[in-house]
N, C-alpha and C. Protein backbone atom coordinates (compact mmCIF):
# COMPACT_ATOMS: atom_id res chain seq x y z
N UNK A 1 91.34 85.34 87.84
CA UNK A 1 91.21 85.96 86.52
C UNK A 1 91.78 87.38 86.52
N UNK A 2 91.74 88.12 87.62
CA UNK A 2 92.27 89.42 87.66
C UNK A 2 93.77 89.38 87.71
N UNK A 3 94.34 88.41 88.31
CA UNK A 3 95.79 88.35 88.46
C UNK A 3 96.54 88.30 87.08
N UNK A 4 96.11 87.38 86.17
CA UNK A 4 96.80 87.39 84.84
C UNK A 4 96.51 88.73 84.02
N UNK A 5 95.42 89.28 84.22
CA UNK A 5 95.08 90.52 83.51
C UNK A 5 95.98 91.65 84.11
N UNK A 6 96.09 91.68 85.38
CA UNK A 6 96.98 92.71 86.02
C UNK A 6 98.44 92.48 85.59
N UNK A 7 98.78 91.30 85.48
CA UNK A 7 100.20 90.98 85.08
C UNK A 7 100.41 91.42 83.58
N UNK A 8 99.40 91.27 82.71
CA UNK A 8 99.57 91.70 81.36
C UNK A 8 99.63 93.27 81.30
N UNK A 9 98.91 93.96 82.14
CA UNK A 9 99.02 95.46 82.18
C UNK A 9 100.39 95.82 82.64
N UNK A 10 100.87 95.20 83.65
CA UNK A 10 102.25 95.53 84.11
C UNK A 10 103.33 95.18 83.06
N UNK A 11 103.09 94.09 82.37
CA UNK A 11 104.06 93.72 81.30
C UNK A 11 104.06 94.67 80.21
N UNK A 12 102.87 95.19 79.79
CA UNK A 12 102.83 96.19 78.75
C UNK A 12 103.41 97.52 79.14
N UNK A 13 103.33 97.86 80.38
CA UNK A 13 103.96 99.12 80.89
C UNK A 13 105.50 98.89 80.88
N UNK A 14 105.92 97.75 81.28
CA UNK A 14 107.34 97.41 81.30
C UNK A 14 107.91 97.42 79.87
N UNK A 15 107.26 96.88 78.99
CA UNK A 15 107.70 96.76 77.61
C UNK A 15 107.80 98.18 76.92
N UNK A 16 106.78 98.97 77.19
CA UNK A 16 106.79 100.31 76.70
C UNK A 16 107.77 101.28 77.34
N UNK A 17 108.18 100.89 78.58
CA UNK A 17 109.11 101.74 79.35
C UNK A 17 108.58 103.10 79.49
N UNK A 18 107.26 103.18 79.60
CA UNK A 18 106.62 104.50 79.87
C UNK A 18 105.71 104.35 81.12
N UNK A 19 106.22 104.54 82.24
CA UNK A 19 105.45 104.30 83.51
C UNK A 19 104.42 105.39 83.76
N UNK A 20 104.48 106.49 83.03
CA UNK A 20 103.38 107.45 83.12
C UNK A 20 102.08 106.90 82.63
N UNK A 21 102.17 105.96 81.68
CA UNK A 21 100.95 105.28 81.16
C UNK A 21 100.16 104.69 82.29
N UNK A 22 100.87 104.20 83.25
CA UNK A 22 100.24 103.60 84.42
C UNK A 22 99.36 104.54 85.12
N UNK A 23 99.74 105.79 85.22
CA UNK A 23 99.00 106.81 85.95
C UNK A 23 97.85 107.42 85.17
N UNK A 24 97.91 107.38 83.86
CA UNK A 24 96.96 108.05 82.98
C UNK A 24 95.64 107.26 82.87
N UNK A 25 95.64 105.98 82.78
CA UNK A 25 94.48 105.24 82.50
C UNK A 25 93.67 104.86 83.75
N UNK A 26 92.43 105.41 83.82
CA UNK A 26 91.64 105.25 84.98
C UNK A 26 91.13 103.76 85.08
N UNK A 27 90.97 103.08 83.95
CA UNK A 27 90.51 101.73 84.10
C UNK A 27 91.53 100.80 84.68
N UNK A 28 92.83 101.11 84.52
CA UNK A 28 93.89 100.32 85.19
C UNK A 28 93.78 100.53 86.73
N UNK A 29 93.57 101.68 87.17
CA UNK A 29 93.35 101.85 88.66
C UNK A 29 92.16 101.12 89.13
N UNK A 30 91.11 101.12 88.29
CA UNK A 30 89.86 100.36 88.67
C UNK A 30 90.20 98.86 88.78
N UNK A 31 90.99 98.41 87.87
CA UNK A 31 91.43 96.98 87.87
C UNK A 31 92.11 96.62 89.15
N UNK A 32 93.11 97.52 89.54
CA UNK A 32 93.97 97.29 90.75
C UNK A 32 93.09 97.35 91.96
N UNK A 33 92.15 98.31 92.03
CA UNK A 33 91.29 98.41 93.21
C UNK A 33 90.34 97.17 93.37
N UNK A 34 89.89 96.73 92.22
CA UNK A 34 89.04 95.54 92.22
C UNK A 34 89.83 94.29 92.64
N UNK A 35 91.03 94.18 92.16
CA UNK A 35 91.83 93.08 92.58
C UNK A 35 92.23 93.05 94.04
N UNK A 36 92.51 94.29 94.54
CA UNK A 36 92.81 94.44 96.01
C UNK A 36 91.61 94.11 96.83
N UNK A 37 90.43 94.59 96.41
CA UNK A 37 89.25 94.25 97.19
C UNK A 37 88.93 92.76 97.12
N UNK A 38 89.17 92.15 96.06
CA UNK A 38 88.97 90.63 95.90
C UNK A 38 89.96 89.94 96.89
N UNK A 39 91.18 90.29 96.86
CA UNK A 39 92.13 89.61 97.65
C UNK A 39 91.88 89.78 99.13
N UNK A 40 91.52 91.12 99.53
CA UNK A 40 91.14 91.37 100.95
C UNK A 40 89.91 90.72 101.38
N UNK A 41 88.97 90.58 100.44
CA UNK A 41 87.69 89.87 100.82
C UNK A 41 87.98 88.37 101.12
N UNK A 42 88.80 87.82 100.27
CA UNK A 42 89.16 86.37 100.49
C UNK A 42 89.91 86.22 101.78
N UNK A 43 90.77 87.11 102.09
CA UNK A 43 91.56 87.10 103.36
C UNK A 43 90.64 87.30 104.51
N UNK A 44 89.67 88.21 104.38
CA UNK A 44 88.74 88.45 105.51
C UNK A 44 87.85 87.22 105.73
N UNK A 45 87.51 86.46 104.67
CA UNK A 45 86.64 85.33 104.85
C UNK A 45 87.47 84.22 105.57
N UNK A 46 88.74 84.12 105.32
CA UNK A 46 89.57 83.05 105.95
C UNK A 46 89.95 83.40 107.41
N UNK A 47 90.10 84.69 107.64
CA UNK A 47 90.57 85.10 109.02
C UNK A 47 89.44 85.84 109.65
N UNK A 48 89.22 85.59 110.96
CA UNK A 48 88.06 86.22 111.68
C UNK A 48 88.52 87.55 112.33
N UNK A 49 89.70 88.02 112.09
CA UNK A 49 90.16 89.25 112.66
C UNK A 49 89.39 90.42 112.05
N UNK A 50 89.01 91.41 112.96
CA UNK A 50 88.19 92.52 112.45
C UNK A 50 88.97 93.43 111.52
N UNK A 51 90.26 93.53 111.60
CA UNK A 51 90.99 94.46 110.75
C UNK A 51 90.87 94.01 109.29
N UNK A 52 90.81 92.78 108.96
CA UNK A 52 90.66 92.32 107.54
C UNK A 52 89.25 92.64 107.01
N UNK A 53 88.30 92.52 107.89
CA UNK A 53 86.92 92.81 107.44
C UNK A 53 86.72 94.29 107.13
N UNK A 54 87.32 95.17 107.93
CA UNK A 54 87.16 96.60 107.65
C UNK A 54 87.93 96.99 106.36
N UNK A 55 89.07 96.44 106.18
CA UNK A 55 89.87 96.75 104.90
C UNK A 55 89.16 96.20 103.72
N UNK A 56 88.52 95.00 103.84
CA UNK A 56 87.81 94.43 102.75
C UNK A 56 86.57 95.33 102.35
N UNK A 57 85.85 95.83 103.37
CA UNK A 57 84.71 96.72 103.10
C UNK A 57 85.14 97.96 102.44
N UNK A 58 86.25 98.57 102.94
CA UNK A 58 86.63 99.84 102.48
C UNK A 58 87.11 99.74 101.01
N UNK A 59 87.92 98.75 100.72
CA UNK A 59 88.37 98.54 99.30
C UNK A 59 87.25 98.21 98.38
N UNK A 60 86.32 97.39 98.86
CA UNK A 60 85.16 97.03 97.99
C UNK A 60 84.32 98.28 97.65
N UNK A 61 84.13 99.10 98.61
CA UNK A 61 83.40 100.34 98.39
C UNK A 61 84.12 101.29 97.47
N UNK A 62 85.41 101.46 97.63
CA UNK A 62 86.26 102.27 96.73
C UNK A 62 86.18 101.72 95.34
N UNK A 63 86.37 100.43 95.21
CA UNK A 63 86.39 99.76 93.86
C UNK A 63 84.98 99.93 93.16
N UNK A 64 83.98 99.77 93.88
CA UNK A 64 82.59 99.97 93.36
C UNK A 64 82.40 101.36 92.89
N UNK A 65 82.72 102.34 93.76
CA UNK A 65 82.54 103.75 93.27
C UNK A 65 83.45 104.08 92.14
N UNK A 66 84.67 103.64 92.06
CA UNK A 66 85.60 103.93 90.98
C UNK A 66 85.11 103.28 89.65
N UNK A 67 84.61 102.06 89.85
CA UNK A 67 84.07 101.36 88.56
C UNK A 67 82.81 102.04 88.06
N UNK A 68 82.00 102.61 88.90
CA UNK A 68 80.80 103.35 88.45
C UNK A 68 81.30 104.61 87.69
N UNK A 69 82.19 105.31 88.21
CA UNK A 69 82.74 106.51 87.54
C UNK A 69 83.37 106.09 86.17
N UNK A 70 84.10 104.94 86.12
CA UNK A 70 84.67 104.48 84.88
C UNK A 70 83.62 104.17 83.83
N UNK A 71 82.53 103.53 84.30
CA UNK A 71 81.43 103.15 83.36
C UNK A 71 80.72 104.38 82.84
N UNK A 72 80.39 105.32 83.72
CA UNK A 72 79.72 106.54 83.27
C UNK A 72 80.57 107.37 82.35
N UNK A 73 81.96 107.48 82.62
CA UNK A 73 82.84 108.21 81.79
C UNK A 73 82.98 107.57 80.39
N UNK A 74 83.01 106.24 80.39
CA UNK A 74 83.09 105.53 79.10
C UNK A 74 81.87 105.79 78.26
N UNK A 75 80.66 105.58 78.82
CA UNK A 75 79.48 105.73 78.00
C UNK A 75 79.14 107.15 77.62
N UNK A 76 79.69 108.15 78.39
CA UNK A 76 79.48 109.54 78.02
C UNK A 76 80.48 110.14 77.15
N UNK A 77 81.72 109.67 77.19
CA UNK A 77 82.78 110.28 76.42
C UNK A 77 83.44 109.46 75.42
N UNK A 78 83.67 108.18 75.70
CA UNK A 78 84.42 107.37 74.76
C UNK A 78 83.49 106.60 73.80
N UNK A 79 82.35 106.13 74.21
CA UNK A 79 81.46 105.35 73.33
C UNK A 79 80.79 106.17 72.27
N UNK A 80 80.26 107.34 72.49
CA UNK A 80 79.54 108.04 71.40
C UNK A 80 80.47 108.40 70.39
């Protein structure tokens, strides 16, 4: 589900030809981190190598923290 959504974000950036848009929106970075953590978690589940497990845990923690910041920022600044 995240891959088609990520593709749509990349397509909208390419259509607008404004790549600074990519850097401005924090929720886009949250989407990318969540997608990376999902892919690395699936890879870690299939491979028993310890390097995949550590990267999966690191990206999952980063994505969780980033998504918490996005949620708090939305409900405090954008929603009211």
